[in-house]
Amino acid sequence: MKILGYGIYQDHALGGDILLAKGLRSNGCTVDTYDFKQQVKQYGQVAADNALLSMAGHYDLLLIGKGERLNPKLAEKLAAQLPLALWYGDIRNEIPGYLMAILPFVDYFFMTSGGETLKQYHRLGVKNVSAYLFNPFDPDLICSDAVTEKSLDVLFTGTGYRFAGDERKASLDYLKQRSDVTFFGGAEKFTAAKFSLWQKLKKELSRLNKRRKVRGEAYFDVIQRAKIGIGVNAVHHINKYTSDRLTHYTGFGTFFLAHEFDGLRELFTADEVVSFNTIEQLDSLITHYLHNPAEREAIAKNAQQKVLQHYNCHNITGMMLDIINRGSSDRFPWLDIVR
């Protein structure tokens, strides 16, 4: 199959578009990429759209990454030339308007949410099949000879979302009170707690060196230096929806402590990813696993083996191709398909 990828390809090696392109190539597909941000920056919107239209007819499938910059009129013209597949690795409290506009032109829709949420998006007009997509990992990023010192006790990496649910706000409020937690990305700024000006100043002064953002290899290094990574989704109670932090931490072999979410145990066992439901449990589990490194690292190793062997980009894109080519796949027991 000859595929044209429409997405962002100047990102780091764990960018979704990059991972899927690599996985598709490993499954025998020819994949050419169209980085819309780069094209628009270089040529302008109109010229970039016209270039995409002229290219599309030479391919068997257009794979769209998220699609937030894709004009619905352009999507309609593209759909007249070839099948469209779109993957969406994010979630909001309300369905984004751009998705509502372009999904009626999409033949195959993949999203990192299952159950009723998947059905809700499918009903927006997807022409053929919608399916759950688990965020993949690239095993080639792992250096078997590398030994990284675990110099960070607890780590939280994530963007601040004002729409985040109570679970995330409460967890971040708690983590901010600890002296052994390092934050990257700014998520800790968006919580429900109210602090005095003096409290805010003290926290800012104590965390100035911890607020920087990290990407690419610096991000990979931070994850690998952590003893415990914490995961709390911005939106909860959506079947099998999880931030890609779950894949990133487990793929790099770092112990991941996740706030329980619907469908977690379909993806990982309790011997692979430990979960919590309350702040009391979170506090107790952090203490336990900081003081029991052998147990912690054994669990982390179990999760890493599953990700590298099963949730790699070759296997995940193989599942996508199965669904595109024949409407089903037997690669994963948690497969969730809506027609």
C-alpha atoms as a PDB file:
ATOM      1  CA  MET A   1       0.000   0.000   0.000  1.00  0.00           C
ATOM      2  CA  LYS A   2       1.231   3.470  -0.871  1.00  0.00           C
ATOM      3  CA  ILE A   3       0.368   5.942   1.889  1.00  0.00           C
ATOM      4  CA  LEU A   4       0.672   9.712   2.159  1.00  0.00           C
ATOM      5  CA  GLY A   5       0.978  10.881   5.770  1.00  0.00           C
ATOM      6  CA  TYR A   6      -0.469  14.307   6.615  1.00  0.00           C
ATOM      7  CA  GLY A   7       0.839  15.402   9.999  1.00  0.00           C
ATOM      8  CA  ILE A   8       3.813  16.796  11.917  1.00  0.00           C
ATOM      9  CA  TYR A   9       7.123  15.125  11.109  1.00  0.00           C
ATOM     10  CA  GLN A  10       9.592  17.595  12.635  1.00  0.00           C
ATOM     11  CA  ASP A  11       8.745  16.377  16.144  1.00  0.00           C
ATOM     12  CA  HIS A  12      10.675  14.083  18.495  1.00  0.00           C
ATOM     13  CA  ALA A  13      10.975  10.326  17.907  1.00  0.00           C
ATOM     14  CA  LEU A  14       7.882   9.561  20.018  1.00  0.00           C
ATOM     15  CA  GLY A  15       5.659  11.870  17.978  1.00  0.00           C
ATOM     16  CA  GLY A  16       2.584   9.924  16.882  1.00  0.00           C
ATOM     17  CA  ASP A  17       2.918  10.715  13.172  1.00  0.00           C
ATOM     18  CA  ILE A  18       6.553   9.603  13.203  1.00  0.00           C
ATOM     19  CA  LEU A  19       5.822   6.355  15.052  1.00  0.00           C
ATOM     20  CA  LEU A  20       2.944   5.404  12.769  1.00  0.00           C
ATOM     21  CA  ALA A  21       4.942   6.158   9.620  1.00  0.00           C
ATOM     22  CA  LYS A  22       7.780   3.960  10.876  1.00  0.00           C
ATOM     23  CA  GLY A  23       5.399   1.156  11.794  1.00  0.00           C
ATOM     24  CA  LEU A  24       3.644   1.263   8.429  1.00  0.00           C
ATOM     25  CA  ARG A  25       6.967   1.057   6.609  1.00  0.00           C
ATOM     26  CA  SER A  26       7.938  -1.961   8.718  1.00  0.00           C
ATOM     27  CA  ASN A  27       4.695  -3.588   7.551  1.00  0.00           C
ATOM     28  CA  GLY A  28       5.704  -3.211   3.918  1.00  0.00           C
ATOM     29  CA  CYS A  29       3.943   0.054   3.071  1.00  0.00           C
ATOM     30  CA  THR A  30       5.482   2.897   1.123  1.00  0.00           C
ATOM     31  CA  VAL A  31       4.999   6.041   3.198  1.00  0.00           C
ATOM     32  CA  ASP A  32       5.666   9.576   2.033  1.00  0.00           C
ATOM     33  CA  THR A  33       5.142  12.377   4.532  1.00  0.00           C
ATOM     34  CA  TYR A  34       3.561  15.807   4.200  1.00  0.00           C
ATOM     35  CA  ASP A  35       4.381  18.047   7.148  1.00  0.00           C
ATOM     36  CA  PHE A  36       1.565  20.591   6.940  1.00  0.00           C
ATOM     37  CA  LYS A  37       3.155  23.045   9.383  1.00  0.00           C
ATOM     38  CA  GLN A  38       6.375  23.124   7.417  1.00  0.00           C
ATOM     39  CA  GLN A  39       4.566  23.387   4.078  1.00  0.00           C
ATOM     40  CA  VAL A  40       2.330  26.254   5.209  1.00  0.00           C
ATOM     41  CA  LYS A  41       5.267  28.080   6.740  1.00  0.00           C
ATOM     42  CA  GLN A  42       7.274  27.753   3.544  1.00  0.00           C
ATOM     43  CA  TYR A  43       4.625  28.251   0.860  1.00  0.00           C
ATOM     44  CA  GLY A  44       1.484  29.650   2.500  1.00  0.00           C
ATOM     45  CA  GLN A  45      -1.850  27.961   3.137  1.00  0.00           C
ATOM     46  CA  VAL A  46      -3.320  28.072  -0.382  1.00  0.00           C
ATOM     47  CA  ALA A  47      -0.212  26.763  -2.120  1.00  0.00           C
ATOM     48  CA  ALA A  48       0.256  24.062   0.526  1.00  0.00           C
ATOM     49  CA  ASP A  49      -3.354  22.871   0.128  1.00  0.00           C
ATOM     50  CA  ASN A  50      -3.024  22.797  -3.665  1.00  0.00           C
ATOM     51  CA  ALA A  51       0.197  20.810  -3.405  1.00  0.00           C
ATOM     52  CA  LEU A  52      -1.508  18.254  -1.172  1.00  0.00           C
ATOM     53  CA  LEU A  53      -4.384  17.909  -3.632  1.00  0.00           C
ATOM     54  CA  SER A  54      -2.037  17.367  -6.537  1.00  0.00           C
ATOM     55  CA  MET A  55      -0.118  14.684  -4.636  1.00  0.00           C
ATOM     56  CA  ALA A  56      -3.091  12.780  -3.234  1.00  0.00           C
ATOM     57  CA  GLY A  57      -4.124  11.053  -6.449  1.00  0.00           C
ATOM     58  CA  HIS A  58      -0.846   9.105  -6.546  1.00  0.00           C
ATOM     59  CA  TYR A  59      -1.544   7.235  -3.282  1.00  0.00           C
ATOM     60  CA  ASP A  60      -3.799   4.466  -1.985  1.00  0.00           C
ATOM     61  CA  LEU A  61      -4.537   6.132   1.353  1.00  0.00           C
ATOM     62  CA  LEU A  62      -4.146   9.491   3.076  1.00  0.00           C
ATOM     63  CA  LEU A  63      -3.337   9.070   6.784  1.00  0.00           C
ATOM     64  CA  ILE A  64      -4.211  12.248   8.695  1.00  0.00           C
ATOM     65  CA  GLY A  65      -2.658  13.015  12.068  1.00  0.00           C
ATOM     66  CA  LYS A  66      -5.292  14.682  14.264  1.00  0.00           C
ATOM     67  CA  GLY A  67      -6.430  16.980  11.435  1.00  0.00           C
ATOM     68  CA  GLU A  68      -6.940  20.229  13.354  1.00  0.00           C
ATOM     69  CA  ARG A  69      -5.500  22.272  10.455  1.00  0.00           C
ATOM     70  CA  LEU A  70      -7.355  20.448   7.685  1.00  0.00           C
ATOM     71  CA  ASN A  71     -10.049  22.582   6.051  1.00  0.00           C
ATOM     72  CA  PRO A  72     -13.333  20.628   5.602  1.00  0.00           C
ATOM     73  CA  LYS A  73     -13.608  21.736   1.960  1.00  0.00           C
ATOM     74  CA  LEU A  74     -10.121  20.413   1.324  1.00  0.00           C
ATOM     75  CA  ALA A  75     -11.019  17.165   3.118  1.00  0.00           C
ATOM     76  CA  GLU A  76     -14.017  16.778   0.799  1.00  0.00           C
ATOM     77  CA  LYS A  77     -11.843  17.244  -2.297  1.00  0.00           C
ATOM     78  CA  LEU A  78      -9.269  14.779  -0.970  1.00  0.00           C
ATOM     79  CA  ALA A  79     -11.958  12.204  -0.187  1.00  0.00           C
ATOM     80  CA  ALA A  80     -13.050  12.315  -3.838  1.00  0.00           C
ATOM     81  CA  GLN A  81      -9.571  11.114  -4.830  1.00  0.00           C
ATOM     82  CA  LEU A  82      -8.673   8.445  -2.261  1.00  0.00           C
ATOM     83  CA  PRO A  83      -9.725   6.905   1.090  1.00  0.00           C
ATOM     84  CA  LEU A  84      -8.953   8.952   4.203  1.00  0.00           C
ATOM     85  CA  ALA A  85      -7.828   7.528   7.553  1.00  0.00           C
ATOM     86  CA  LEU A  86      -7.533   9.790  10.600  1.00  0.00           C
ATOM     87  CA  TRP A  87      -5.999   9.067  13.977  1.00  0.00           C
ATOM     88  CA  TYR A  88      -6.803  11.166  17.048  1.00  0.00           C
ATOM     89  CA  GLY A  89      -4.697  10.770  20.179  1.00  0.00           C
ATOM     90  CA  ASP A  90      -6.326  13.335  22.410  1.00  0.00           C
ATOM     91  CA  ILE A  91      -9.594  13.975  24.234  1.00  0.00           C
ATOM     92  CA  ARG A  92     -11.630  16.987  25.306  1.00  0.00           C
ATOM     93  CA  ASN A  93     -14.756  17.410  27.398  1.00  0.00           C
ATOM     94  CA  GLU A  94     -16.528  18.448  24.207  1.00  0.00           C
ATOM     95  CA  ILE A  95     -15.904  17.069  20.716  1.00  0.00           C
ATOM     96  CA  PRO A  96     -13.641  19.510  18.824  1.00  0.00           C
ATOM     97  CA  GLY A  97     -15.478  21.384  16.112  1.00  0.00           C
ATOM     98  CA  TYR A  98     -12.890  20.617  13.451  1.00  0.00           C
ATOM     99  CA  LEU A  99     -13.438  16.869  13.951  1.00  0.00           C
ATOM    100  CA  MET A 100     -17.173  17.267  13.645  1.00  0.00           C
ATOM    101  CA  ALA A 101     -16.569  18.998  10.312  1.00  0.00           C
ATOM    102  CA  ILE A 102     -14.128  16.535   8.716  1.00  0.00           C
ATOM    103  CA  LEU A 103     -15.147  13.100  10.072  1.00  0.00           C
ATOM    104  CA  PRO A 104     -17.954  12.695   7.483  1.00  0.00           C
ATOM    105  CA  PHE A 105     -15.204  12.534   4.836  1.00  0.00           C
ATOM    106  CA  VAL A 106     -13.125   9.956   6.738  1.00  0.00           C
ATOM    107  CA  ASP A 107     -13.268   6.251   5.853  1.00  0.00           C
ATOM    108  CA  TYR A 108     -11.227   4.896   8.786  1.00  0.00           C
ATOM    109  CA  PHE A 109     -11.040   6.618  12.181  1.00  0.00           C
ATOM    110  CA  PHE A 110      -8.656   5.569  14.955  1.00  0.00           C
ATOM    111  CA  MET A 111      -8.734   7.167  18.410  1.00  0.00           C
ATOM    112  CA  THR A 112      -7.178   6.536  21.823  1.00  0.00           C
ATOM    113  CA  SER A 113     -10.596   6.157  23.457  1.00  0.00           C
ATOM    114  CA  GLY A 114     -12.954   3.213  23.356  1.00  0.00           C
ATOM    115  CA  GLY A 115     -16.451   2.267  24.412  1.00  0.00           C
ATOM    116  CA  GLU A 116     -19.213   4.850  24.247  1.00  0.00           C
ATOM    117  CA  THR A 117     -16.779   7.661  23.410  1.00  0.00           C
ATOM    118  CA  LEU A 118     -15.593   5.795  20.320  1.00  0.00           C
ATOM    119  CA  LYS A 119     -19.219   5.245  19.292  1.00  0.00           C
ATOM    120  CA  GLN A 120     -20.034   8.908  19.878  1.00  0.00           C
ATOM    121  CA  TYR A 121     -17.279  10.054  17.539  1.00  0.00           C
ATOM    122  CA  HIS A 122     -18.135   7.391  14.962  1.00  0.00           C
ATOM    123  CA  ARG A 123     -21.712   8.639  14.812  1.00  0.00           C
ATOM    124  CA  LEU A 124     -20.439  12.002  13.557  1.00  0.00           C
ATOM    125  CA  GLY A 125     -20.364  10.409  10.124  1.00  0.00           C
ATOM    126  CA  VAL A 126     -17.319   8.131   9.733  1.00  0.00           C
ATOM    127  CA  LYS A 127     -17.977   6.318   6.468  1.00  0.00           C
ATOM    128  CA  ASN A 128     -16.588   2.891   7.272  1.00  0.00           C
ATOM    129  CA  VAL A 129     -14.871   1.808  10.509  1.00  0.00           C
ATOM    130  CA  SER A 130     -13.776   3.416  13.783  1.00  0.00           C
ATOM    131  CA  ALA A 131     -11.427   1.612  16.160  1.00  0.00           C
ATOM    132  CA  TYR A 132      -9.548   2.055  19.420  1.00  0.00           C
ATOM    133  CA  LEU A 133      -5.842   2.870  19.052  1.00  0.00           C
ATOM    134  CA  PHE A 134      -3.279   2.378  21.813  1.00  0.00           C
ATOM    135  CA  ASN A 135      -0.323   4.777  21.699  1.00  0.00           C
ATOM    136  CA  PRO A 136       2.630   2.797  20.280  1.00  0.00           C
ATOM    137  CA  PHE A 137       6.318   2.795  21.237  1.00  0.00           C
ATOM    138  CA  ASP A 138       9.496   2.444  19.182  1.00  0.00           C
ATOM    139  CA  PRO A 139      11.747  -0.336  20.589  1.00  0.00           C
ATOM    140  CA  ASP A 140      14.697   1.055  18.616  1.00  0.00           C
ATOM    141  CA  LEU A 141      14.863   3.905  21.159  1.00  0.00           C
ATOM    142  CA  ILE A 142      16.054   1.463  23.812  1.00  0.00           C
ATOM    143  CA  CYS A 143      19.801   1.025  24.201  1.00  0.00           C
ATOM    144  CA  SER A 144      20.328  -2.332  25.899  1.00  0.00           C
ATOM    145  CA  ASP A 145      23.776  -1.359  27.216  1.00  0.00           C
ATOM    146  CA  ALA A 146      22.691   1.946  28.736  1.00  0.00           C
ATOM    147  CA  VAL A 147      22.601   2.263  32.521  1.00  0.00           C
ATOM    148  CA  THR A 148      20.827   5.375  33.807  1.00  0.00           C
ATOM    149  CA  GLU A 149      21.168   6.527  37.398  1.00  0.00           C
ATOM    150  CA  LYS A 150      17.764   6.864  39.062  1.00  0.00           C
ATOM    151  CA  SER A 151      18.373  10.367  40.385  1.00  0.00           C
ATOM    152  CA  LEU A 152      14.741  11.570  40.496  1.00  0.00           C
ATOM    153  CA  ASP A 153      12.414  10.074  43.088  1.00  0.00           C
ATOM    154  CA  VAL A 154       9.007  11.009  41.646  1.00  0.00           C
ATOM    155  CA  LEU A 155       8.280  12.598  38.285  1.00  0.00           C
ATOM    156  CA  PHE A 156       5.213  14.165  36.691  1.00  0.00           C
ATOM    157  CA  THR A 157       5.390  15.363  33.104  1.00  0.00           C
ATOM    158  CA  GLY A 158       2.327  16.925  31.541  1.00  0.00           C
ATOM    159  CA  THR A 159       0.727  20.037  30.163  1.00  0.00           C
ATOM    160  CA  GLY A 160      -1.606  22.195  32.210  1.00  0.00           C
ATOM    161  CA  TYR A 161      -5.243  21.899  31.116  1.00  0.00           C
ATOM    162  CA  ARG A 162      -7.840  24.204  32.619  1.00  0.00           C
ATOM    163  CA  PHE A 163     -10.550  21.673  31.756  1.00  0.00           C
ATOM    164  CA  ALA A 164      -8.790  18.896  33.713  1.00  0.00           C
ATOM    165  CA  GLY A 165     -10.984  16.771  35.959  1.00  0.00           C
ATOM    166  CA  ASP A 166     -11.060  16.655  39.760  1.00  0.00           C
ATOM    167  CA  GLU A 167      -8.867  13.522  39.884  1.00  0.00           C
ATOM    168  CA  ARG A 168      -5.976  15.275  38.173  1.00  0.00           C
ATOM    169  CA  LYS A 169      -6.354  18.485  40.172  1.00  0.00           C
ATOM    170  CA  ALA A 170      -6.465  16.634  43.494  1.00  0.00           C
ATOM    171  CA  SER A 171      -3.454  14.479  42.588  1.00  0.00           C
ATOM    172  CA  LEU A 172      -1.400  17.495  41.537  1.00  0.00           C
ATOM    173  CA  ASP A 173      -2.422  19.386  44.686  1.00  0.00           C
ATOM    174  CA  TYR A 174      -1.036  16.485  46.711  1.00  0.00           C
ATOM    175  CA  LEU A 175       2.149  16.051  44.659  1.00  0.00           C
ATOM    176  CA  LYS A 176       2.947  19.758  44.966  1.00  0.00           C
ATOM    177  CA  GLN A 177       3.150  19.371  48.742  1.00  0.00           C
ATOM    178  CA  ARG A 178       5.922  16.777  48.484  1.00  0.00           C
ATOM    179  CA  SER A 179       9.577  17.746  48.340  1.00  0.00           C
ATOM    180  CA  ASP A 180      10.593  14.714  46.244  1.00  0.00           C
ATOM    181  CA  VAL A 181       8.477  15.394  43.138  1.00  0.00           C
ATOM    182  CA  THR A 182       9.879  16.965  39.966  1.00  0.00           C
ATOM    183  CA  PHE A 183       7.515  18.540  37.431  1.00  0.00           C
ATOM    184  CA  PHE A 184       8.014  19.240  33.757  1.00  0.00           C
ATOM    185  CA  GLY A 185       5.485  20.786  31.399  1.00  0.00           C
ATOM    186  CA  GLY A 186       3.583  23.098  33.749  1.00  0.00           C
ATOM    187  CA  ALA A 187       0.666  20.855  34.729  1.00  0.00           C
ATOM    188  CA  GLU A 188       1.199  21.675  38.404  1.00  0.00           C
ATOM    189  CA  LYS A 189       0.109  25.264  37.746  1.00  0.00           C
ATOM    190  CA  PHE A 190      -3.458  24.174  37.044  1.00  0.00           C
ATOM    191  CA  THR A 191      -4.930  22.737  40.235  1.00  0.00           C
ATOM    192  CA  ALA A 192      -7.800  23.431  42.576  1.00  0.00           C
ATOM    193  CA  ALA A 193      -5.672  24.492  45.550  1.00  0.00           C
ATOM    194  CA  LYS A 194      -5.631  28.113  46.720  1.00  0.00           C
ATOM    195  CA  PHE A 195      -2.342  29.433  48.036  1.00  0.00           C
ATOM    196  CA  SER A 196      -1.316  32.674  49.705  1.00  0.00           C
ATOM    197  CA  LEU A 197       1.108  34.974  47.901  1.00  0.00           C
ATOM    198  CA  TRP A 198       3.878  33.886  50.268  1.00  0.00           C
ATOM    199  CA  GLN A 199       3.162  30.188  49.613  1.00  0.00           C
ATOM    200  CA  LYS A 200       3.195  30.814  45.873  1.00  0.00           C
ATOM    201  CA  LEU A 201       6.505  32.673  46.095  1.00  0.00           C
ATOM    202  CA  LYS A 202       8.155  29.925  48.128  1.00  0.00           C
ATOM    203  CA  LYS A 203       6.985  27.252  45.717  1.00  0.00           C
ATOM    204  CA  GLU A 204       8.131  29.223  42.717  1.00  0.00           C
ATOM    205  CA  LEU A 205      11.579  29.768  44.235  1.00  0.00           C
ATOM    206  CA  SER A 206      11.927  26.087  45.158  1.00  0.00           C
ATOM    207  CA  ARG A 207      10.877  24.833  41.737  1.00  0.00           C
ATOM    208  CA  LEU A 208      12.434  27.321  39.333  1.00  0.00           C
ATOM    209  CA  ASN A 209      14.786  24.659  38.006  1.00  0.00           C
ATOM    210  CA  LYS A 210      11.964  22.146  37.625  1.00  0.00           C
ATOM    211  CA  ARG A 211       9.521  24.096  35.440  1.00  0.00           C
ATOM    212  CA  ARG A 212      11.397  23.909  32.177  1.00  0.00           C
ATOM    213  CA  LYS A 213       9.885  21.972  29.353  1.00  0.00           C
ATOM    214  CA  VAL A 214      11.716  19.004  27.896  1.00  0.00           C
ATOM    215  CA  ARG A 215      11.387  17.359  24.513  1.00  0.00           C
ATOM    216  CA  GLY A 216      13.175  14.762  22.463  1.00  0.00           C
ATOM    217  CA  GLU A 217      16.206  13.085  24.002  1.00  0.00           C
ATOM    218  CA  ALA A 218      16.072  15.369  27.067  1.00  0.00           C
ATOM    219  CA  TYR A 219      12.528  14.108  27.717  1.00  0.00           C
ATOM    220  CA  PHE A 220      13.630  10.494  27.277  1.00  0.00           C
ATOM    221  CA  ASP A 221      16.509  11.050  29.721  1.00  0.00           C
ATOM    222  CA  VAL A 222      14.255  12.592  32.383  1.00  0.00           C
ATOM    223  CA  ILE A 223      11.881   9.629  32.228  1.00  0.00           C
ATOM    224  CA  GLN A 224      14.692   7.106  32.541  1.00  0.00           C
ATOM    225  CA  ARG A 225      16.159   8.924  35.555  1.00  0.00           C
ATOM    226  CA  ALA A 226      12.899   8.665  37.515  1.00  0.00           C
ATOM    227  CA  LYS A 227      12.231   5.970  40.080  1.00  0.00           C
ATOM    228  CA  ILE A 228       8.468   6.552  39.874  1.00  0.00           C
ATOM    229  CA  GLY A 229       6.400   8.227  37.176  1.00  0.00           C
ATOM    230  CA  ILE A 230       2.885   9.420  38.028  1.00  0.00           C
ATOM    231  CA  GLY A 231       0.049   9.346  35.510  1.00  0.00           C
ATOM    232  CA  VAL A 232      -3.315  11.099  35.919  1.00  0.00           C
ATOM    233  CA  ASN A 233      -5.403  11.666  32.802  1.00  0.00           C
ATOM    234  CA  ALA A 234      -6.808  15.142  32.222  1.00  0.00           C
ATOM    235  CA  VAL A 235     -10.186  13.540  31.424  1.00  0.00           C
ATOM    236  CA  HIS A 236     -11.332  10.463  33.325  1.00  0.00           C
ATOM    237  CA  HIS A 237     -13.944   7.715  33.028  1.00  0.00           C
ATOM    238  CA  ILE A 238     -13.403   7.175  29.298  1.00  0.00           C
ATOM    239  CA  ASN A 239     -12.847   3.561  28.340  1.00  0.00           C
ATOM    240  CA  LYS A 240      -9.167   2.816  27.696  1.00  0.00           C
ATOM    241  CA  TYR A 241      -8.272   6.500  27.264  1.00  0.00           C
ATOM    242  CA  THR A 242      -4.852   7.323  28.632  1.00  0.00           C
ATOM    243  CA  SER A 243      -2.188   9.923  28.076  1.00  0.00           C
ATOM    244  CA  ASP A 244       0.747   8.733  25.990  1.00  0.00           C
ATOM    245  CA  ARG A 245       2.839   9.132  29.168  1.00  0.00           C
ATOM    246  CA  LEU A 246       1.763   5.584  30.018  1.00  0.00           C
ATOM    247  CA  THR A 247       3.495   4.272  26.885  1.00  0.00           C
ATOM    248  CA  HIS A 248       6.510   6.561  27.254  1.00  0.00           C
ATOM    249  CA  TYR A 249       7.307   5.619  30.842  1.00  0.00           C
ATOM    250  CA  THR A 250       6.651   1.904  30.515  1.00  0.00           C
ATOM    251  CA  GLY A 251       8.484   1.743  27.182  1.00  0.00           C
ATOM    252  CA  PHE A 252      11.603   3.252  28.719  1.00  0.00           C
ATOM    253  CA  GLY A 253      11.354   0.854  31.679  1.00  0.00           C
ATOM    254  CA  THR A 254      10.344   3.338  34.382  1.00  0.00           C
ATOM    255  CA  PHE A 255       7.883   2.271  37.069  1.00  0.00           C
ATOM    256  CA  PHE A 256       4.537   3.942  36.371  1.00  0.00           C
ATOM    257  CA  LEU A 257       1.938   4.643  39.033  1.00  0.00           C
ATOM    258  CA  ALA A 258      -1.335   5.402  37.257  1.00  0.00           C
ATOM    259  CA  HIS A 259      -4.613   6.790  38.483  1.00  0.00           C
ATOM    260  CA  GLU A 260      -7.091   3.987  37.764  1.00  0.00           C
ATOM    261  CA  PHE A 261      -9.077   4.531  34.575  1.00  0.00           C
ATOM    262  CA  ASP A 262     -11.742   2.488  32.825  1.00  0.00           C
ATOM    263  CA  GLY A 263     -10.111  -0.310  30.858  1.00  0.00           C
ATOM    264  CA  LEU A 264      -6.620  -0.072  32.373  1.00  0.00           C
ATOM    265  CA  ARG A 265      -6.656  -3.778  33.219  1.00  0.00           C
ATOM    266  CA  GLU A 266      -7.455  -4.642  29.616  1.00  0.00           C
ATOM    267  CA  LEU A 267      -4.118  -3.088  28.694  1.00  0.00           C
ATOM    268  CA  PHE A 268      -1.860  -3.954  31.641  1.00  0.00           C
ATOM    269  CA  THR A 269      -2.012  -6.323  34.610  1.00  0.00           C
ATOM    270  CA  ALA A 270      -1.378  -5.211  38.201  1.00  0.00           C
ATOM    271  CA  ASP A 271       2.071  -6.836  37.902  1.00  0.00           C
ATOM    272  CA  GLU A 272       2.882  -4.410  35.074  1.00  0.00           C
ATOM    273  CA  VAL A 273       1.275  -1.098  36.058  1.00  0.00           C
ATOM    274  CA  VAL A 274       0.229  -0.298  39.638  1.00  0.00           C
ATOM    275  CA  SER A 275      -2.786   1.981  40.068  1.00  0.00           C
ATOM    276  CA  PHE A 276      -4.416   4.143  42.732  1.00  0.00           C
ATOM    277  CA  ASN A 277      -7.872   5.638  43.247  1.00  0.00           C
ATOM    278  CA  THR A 278      -7.405   7.958  46.223  1.00  0.00           C
ATOM    279  CA  ILE A 279      -4.757  10.365  47.495  1.00  0.00           C
ATOM    280  CA  GLU A 280      -4.262   8.111  50.521  1.00  0.00           C
ATOM    281  CA  GLN A 281      -3.439   5.210  48.204  1.00  0.00           C
ATOM    282  CA  LEU A 282      -1.117   7.388  46.140  1.00  0.00           C
ATOM    283  CA  ASP A 283       0.771   8.480  49.259  1.00  0.00           C
ATOM    284  CA  SER A 284       1.088   4.916  50.525  1.00  0.00           C
ATOM    285  CA  LEU A 285       2.196   3.495  47.162  1.00  0.00           C
ATOM    286  CA  ILE A 286       4.851   6.154  46.606  1.00  0.00           C
ATOM    287  CA  THR A 287       6.316   5.436  50.036  1.00  0.00           C
ATOM    288  CA  HIS A 288       6.209   1.675  49.479  1.00  0.00           C
ATOM    289  CA  TYR A 289       7.855   1.651  46.061  1.00  0.00           C
ATOM    290  CA  LEU A 290      10.503   4.221  46.922  1.00  0.00           C
ATOM    291  CA  HIS A 291      11.599   1.919  49.736  1.00  0.00           C
ATOM    292  CA  ASN A 292      11.306  -1.340  47.769  1.00  0.00           C
ATOM    293  CA  PRO A 293      13.413  -0.822  44.641  1.00  0.00           C
ATOM    294  CA  ALA A 294      13.705  -4.502  43.681  1.00  0.00           C
ATOM    295  CA  GLU A 295       9.928  -4.949  43.631  1.00  0.00           C
ATOM    296  CA  ARG A 296       9.474  -1.633  41.829  1.00  0.00           C
ATOM    297  CA  GLU A 297      11.987  -2.417  39.091  1.00  0.00           C
ATOM    298  CA  ALA A 298      10.594  -5.931  38.559  1.00  0.00           C
ATOM    299  CA  ILE A 299       7.138  -4.477  37.892  1.00  0.00           C
ATOM    300  CA  ALA A 300       8.624  -1.831  35.585  1.00  0.00           C
ATOM    301  CA  LYS A 301      10.464  -4.562  33.660  1.00  0.00           C
ATOM    302  CA  ASN A 302       7.225  -6.517  33.183  1.00  0.00           C
ATOM    303  CA  ALA A 303       5.509  -3.464  31.700  1.00  0.00           C
ATOM    304  CA  GLN A 304       8.444  -2.666  29.458  1.00  0.00           C
ATOM    305  CA  GLN A 305       8.515  -6.193  28.043  1.00  0.00           C
ATOM    306  CA  LYS A 306       4.827  -5.963  27.148  1.00  0.00           C
ATOM    307  CA  VAL A 307       5.264  -2.588  25.445  1.00  0.00           C
ATOM    308  CA  LEU A 308       8.343  -3.593  23.480  1.00  0.00           C
ATOM    309  CA  GLN A 309       6.944  -6.963  22.408  1.00  0.00           C
ATOM    310  CA  HIS A 310       3.275  -6.104  21.832  1.00  0.00           C
ATOM    311  CA  TYR A 311       2.590  -2.351  21.864  1.00  0.00           C
ATOM    312  CA  ASN A 312       5.362  -1.454  19.434  1.00  0.00           C
ATOM    313  CA  CYS A 313       4.759   0.645  16.319  1.00  0.00           C
ATOM    314  CA  HIS A 314       5.006  -2.393  14.015  1.00  0.00           C
ATOM    315  CA  ASN A 315       2.251  -4.275  15.833  1.00  0.00           C
ATOM    316  CA  ILE A 316      -0.062  -1.294  16.363  1.00  0.00           C
ATOM    317  CA  THR A 317       0.109  -0.201  12.726  1.00  0.00           C
ATOM    318  CA  GLY A 318      -0.308  -3.836  11.703  1.00  0.00           C
ATOM    319  CA  MET A 319      -3.614  -3.776  13.584  1.00  0.00           C
ATOM    320  CA  MET A 320      -4.603  -0.575  11.772  1.00  0.00           C
ATOM    321  CA  LEU A 321      -3.817  -2.143   8.392  1.00  0.00           C
ATOM    322  CA  ASP A 322      -5.838  -5.248   9.322  1.00  0.00           C
ATOM    323  CA  ILE A 323      -8.845  -3.043  10.038  1.00  0.00           C
ATOM    324  CA  ILE A 324      -8.393  -0.983   6.873  1.00  0.00           C
ATOM    325  CA  ASN A 325      -7.941  -4.043   4.664  1.00  0.00           C
ATOM    326  CA  ARG A 326     -10.478  -6.437   6.121  1.00  0.00           C
ATOM    327  CA  GLY A 327     -12.427  -4.638   8.848  1.00  0.00           C
ATOM    328  CA  SER A 328     -11.069  -6.622  11.814  1.00  0.00           C
ATOM    329  CA  SER A 329      -7.887  -7.774  13.541  1.00  0.00           C
ATOM    330  CA  ASP A 330      -6.939 -10.538  15.969  1.00  0.00           C
ATOM    331  CA  ARG A 331      -3.740  -8.925  17.261  1.00  0.00           C
ATOM    332  CA  PHE A 332      -5.109  -7.650  20.595  1.00  0.00           C
ATOM    333  CA  PRO A 333      -7.875  -8.923  22.902  1.00  0.00           C
ATOM    334  CA  TRP A 334      -8.907  -5.356  23.760  1.00  0.00           C
ATOM    335  CA  LEU A 335      -9.726  -4.435  20.167  1.00  0.00           C
ATOM    336  CA  ASP A 336     -12.733  -2.122  20.038  1.00  0.00           C
ATOM    337  CA  ILE A 337     -14.378  -1.587  16.620  1.00  0.00           C
ATOM    338  CA  VAL A 338     -17.474   0.340  15.558  1.00  0.00           C
ATOM    339  CA  ARG A 339     -18.959   0.024  12.081  1.00  0.00           C
END
